[in-house]
């Protein structure tokens, strides 16, 4: 399993981790280097807010409680856990299809499957927050988690989580 997730030279592994890295918002810092243990323990991964630059003119009053330097960032942590777990699962599925079933996957199909998996997870988060939990806290968590990853994010309504008639998806990662 270590080989499949971190060492294998197949294009699928390289592409999937590159897609995850490309989707990662720059506001959370660089995408972390993942070890086999970090991937297996994806549910325990966390991201902490970065310490602001001394030249930054933002005052402490402008910060959300989630943006206190050095504290866990709930949105970034959740997004990292989603990206790592979904990517690792897709790598395992693709490997099984390739080795057991003899399927050959093109880079285009791998990319499409990864984007589909992440968009499916976004849809699940929206449904859970908007229809099942129906709480402002759950909606805010979804917004925090997916901030910086959505296509045309600046054009979305304020509470896009609850507007199911609004089509929402991740922005297309830069990787070809």
Protein backbone atom coordinates (compact mmCIF):
# COMPACT_ATOMS: atom_id res chain seq x y z
CA UNK A 1 0.00 0.00 0.00
CA UNK A 2 2.90 2.34 0.77
CA UNK A 3 4.21 1.79 -2.74
CA UNK A 4 0.81 2.46 -4.36
CA UNK A 5 0.19 5.72 -2.51
CA UNK A 6 3.64 7.29 -2.34
CA UNK A 7 6.22 5.58 -4.54
CA UNK A 8 4.60 4.03 -7.60
CA UNK A 9 5.78 5.49 -10.89
CA UNK A 10 2.41 5.19 -12.63
CA UNK A 11 1.08 8.43 -14.07
CA UNK A 12 -2.09 8.04 -11.98
CA UNK A 13 -0.30 8.57 -8.67
CA UNK A 14 1.60 11.60 -9.88
CA UNK A 15 -1.45 13.15 -11.51
CA UNK A 16 -3.82 12.62 -8.59
CA UNK A 17 -1.49 14.13 -5.99
CA UNK A 18 -0.75 17.01 -8.37
CA UNK A 19 -4.49 17.65 -8.81
CA UNK A 20 -4.95 17.71 -5.04
CA UNK A 21 -2.04 20.11 -4.68
CA UNK A 22 -3.36 22.36 -7.46
CA UNK A 23 -6.82 22.59 -5.90
CA UNK A 24 -5.37 23.44 -2.48
CA UNK A 25 -5.99 27.16 -1.80
CA UNK A 26 -2.82 29.21 -1.47
CA UNK A 27 -4.33 30.97 1.55
CA UNK A 28 -3.73 27.80 3.58
CA UNK A 29 -0.05 27.75 2.70
CA UNK A 30 1.69 25.15 0.55
CA UNK A 31 0.14 21.72 0.13
CA UNK A 32 1.83 19.48 2.71
CA UNK A 33 4.30 16.77 1.80
CA UNK A 34 2.42 13.57 2.49
CA UNK A 35 3.99 10.46 3.92
CA UNK A 36 2.42 7.03 4.00
CA UNK A 37 1.52 7.51 7.67
CA UNK A 38 -0.09 10.89 6.99
CA UNK A 39 -2.21 9.40 4.22
CA UNK A 40 -3.34 6.50 6.40
CA UNK A 41 -4.11 8.90 9.23
CA UNK A 42 -5.86 11.42 6.97
CA UNK A 43 -8.65 11.87 9.50
CA UNK A 44 -6.14 13.26 11.99
CA UNK A 45 -4.43 15.72 9.66
CA UNK A 46 -4.81 19.36 10.57
CA UNK A 47 -3.79 22.72 9.19
CA UNK A 48 -2.96 25.62 11.45
CA UNK A 49 -3.40 29.23 10.46
CA UNK A 50 -0.26 30.94 9.39
CA UNK A 51 1.34 33.71 11.38
CA UNK A 52 0.73 36.97 9.50
CA UNK A 53 3.61 38.95 8.08
CA UNK A 54 4.63 41.94 10.22
CA UNK A 55 4.08 44.11 7.14
CA UNK A 56 0.46 42.95 6.89
CA UNK A 57 -1.84 45.87 7.62
CA UNK A 58 -4.84 43.76 8.69
CA UNK A 59 -5.87 44.43 12.25
CA UNK A 60 -6.80 41.80 14.81
CA UNK A 61 -10.39 43.04 14.68
CA UNK A 62 -10.68 41.98 11.03
CA UNK A 63 -9.80 38.35 11.77
CA UNK A 64 -12.40 35.63 12.10
CA UNK A 65 -12.06 33.41 15.14
CA UNK A 66 -10.88 30.68 12.75
CA UNK A 67 -7.98 32.82 11.55
CA UNK A 68 -6.13 33.27 14.84
CA UNK A 69 -2.46 32.55 14.03
CA UNK A 70 -1.28 29.15 15.22
CA UNK A 71 -4.76 27.77 15.87
CA UNK A 72 -6.27 24.93 13.86
CA UNK A 73 -8.08 26.15 10.77
CA UNK A 74 -11.34 24.15 10.64
CA UNK A 75 -12.00 24.76 6.95
CA UNK A 76 -8.45 24.04 5.83
CA UNK A 77 -8.24 20.96 8.03
CA UNK A 78 -11.48 19.55 6.66
CA UNK A 79 -10.46 20.25 3.06
CA UNK A 80 -7.08 18.59 3.56
CA UNK A 81 -8.72 15.50 5.04
CA UNK A 82 -11.15 15.34 2.11
CA UNK A 83 -8.46 15.78 -0.55
CA UNK A 84 -6.14 13.19 0.98
CA UNK A 85 -8.78 10.55 1.69
CA UNK A 86 -10.57 10.89 -1.66
CA UNK A 87 -7.27 10.90 -3.57
CA UNK A 88 -5.93 7.86 -1.73
CA UNK A 89 -9.17 5.94 -2.30
CA UNK A 90 -9.16 6.78 -6.01
CA UNK A 91 -5.54 5.66 -6.30
CA UNK A 92 -6.44 2.33 -4.73
CA UNK A 93 -9.45 1.86 -7.02
CA UNK A 94 -7.44 2.73 -10.14
CA UNK A 95 -4.67 0.36 -9.11
CA UNK A 96 -7.13 -2.49 -8.57
CA UNK A 97 -8.75 -1.83 -11.94
CA UNK A 98 -5.35 -1.73 -13.64
CA UNK A 99 -3.83 -4.80 -11.99
CA UNK A 100 -6.84 -7.06 -11.42
CA UNK A 101 -9.10 -6.12 -14.32
CA UNK A 102 -6.38 -5.14 -16.78
CA UNK A 103 -7.88 -1.72 -17.52
CA UNK A 104 -5.76 1.04 -18.95
CA UNK A 105 -6.60 4.54 -17.74
CA UNK A 106 -5.81 7.64 -19.75
CA UNK A 107 -4.68 10.78 -17.99
CA UNK A 108 -7.90 12.44 -19.13
CA UNK A 109 -10.07 9.73 -17.55
CA UNK A 110 -8.05 9.80 -14.31
CA UNK A 111 -8.43 13.56 -14.11
CA UNK A 112 -12.17 13.37 -14.82
CA UNK A 113 -12.67 10.71 -12.15
CA UNK A 114 -10.76 12.75 -9.56
CA UNK A 115 -12.76 15.91 -10.32
CA UNK A 116 -15.97 13.87 -10.17
CA UNK A 117 -14.99 12.41 -6.78
CA UNK A 118 -14.25 15.84 -5.29
CA UNK A 119 -17.41 17.38 -6.77
CA UNK A 120 -19.43 14.48 -5.38
CA UNK A 121 -17.97 15.17 -1.94
CA UNK A 122 -18.85 18.86 -2.28
CA UNK A 123 -22.44 17.87 -3.11
CA UNK A 124 -22.62 15.56 -0.11
CA UNK A 125 -21.36 18.35 2.17
CA UNK A 126 -23.99 20.73 0.77
CA UNK A 127 -26.81 18.23 1.26
CA UNK A 128 -25.77 17.37 4.81
CA UNK A 129 -25.45 21.03 5.82
CA UNK A 130 -28.47 22.37 3.96
CA UNK A 131 -31.04 19.61 4.19
CA UNK A 132 -30.08 17.26 7.00
CA UNK A 133 -28.43 19.38 9.70
CA UNK A 134 -30.08 22.67 8.72
CA UNK A 135 -27.92 24.73 11.03
CA UNK A 136 -26.00 27.91 10.37
CA UNK A 137 -22.93 26.31 11.97
CA UNK A 138 -22.98 23.43 9.46
CA UNK A 139 -23.44 25.82 6.54
CA UNK A 140 -20.53 27.98 7.71
CA UNK A 141 -18.32 24.89 8.01
CA UNK A 142 -19.05 23.93 4.40
CA UNK A 143 -18.32 27.48 3.25
CA UNK A 144 -15.04 27.52 5.21
CA UNK A 145 -14.04 24.12 3.87
CA UNK A 146 -14.57 24.86 0.19
CA UNK A 147 -13.53 28.54 0.17
CA UNK A 148 -10.90 29.11 -2.49
CA UNK A 149 -11.66 25.93 -4.42
CA UNK A 150 -14.92 26.72 -6.21
CA UNK A 151 -15.39 27.70 -9.83
CA UNK A 152 -16.62 31.29 -10.20
CA UNK A 153 -16.72 31.61 -6.43
CA UNK A 154 -17.12 35.38 -6.50
CA UNK A 155 -20.35 35.01 -8.53
CA UNK A 156 -22.04 32.63 -6.08
CA UNK A 157 -24.84 33.84 -3.80
CA UNK A 158 -23.92 34.42 -0.16
CA UNK A 159 -25.44 31.19 1.10
CA UNK A 160 -24.82 29.01 -1.95
CA UNK A 161 -24.86 25.95 0.30
CA UNK A 162 -28.62 26.24 0.77
CA UNK A 163 -29.42 27.17 -2.83
CA UNK A 164 -29.55 23.77 -4.49
CA UNK A 165 -30.65 25.29 -7.79
CA UNK A 166 -27.19 26.90 -7.99
CA UNK A 167 -24.69 24.64 -9.70
CA UNK A 168 -21.51 24.58 -7.67
CA UNK A 169 -18.33 22.72 -8.50
CA UNK A 170 -14.63 22.94 -7.88
CA UNK A 171 -12.50 25.10 -10.10
CA UNK A 172 -10.62 23.13 -12.70
CA UNK A 173 -7.13 22.36 -11.40
CA UNK A 174 -4.25 23.77 -13.42
CA UNK A 175 -2.76 20.39 -14.29
CA UNK A 176 -3.44 19.34 -17.92
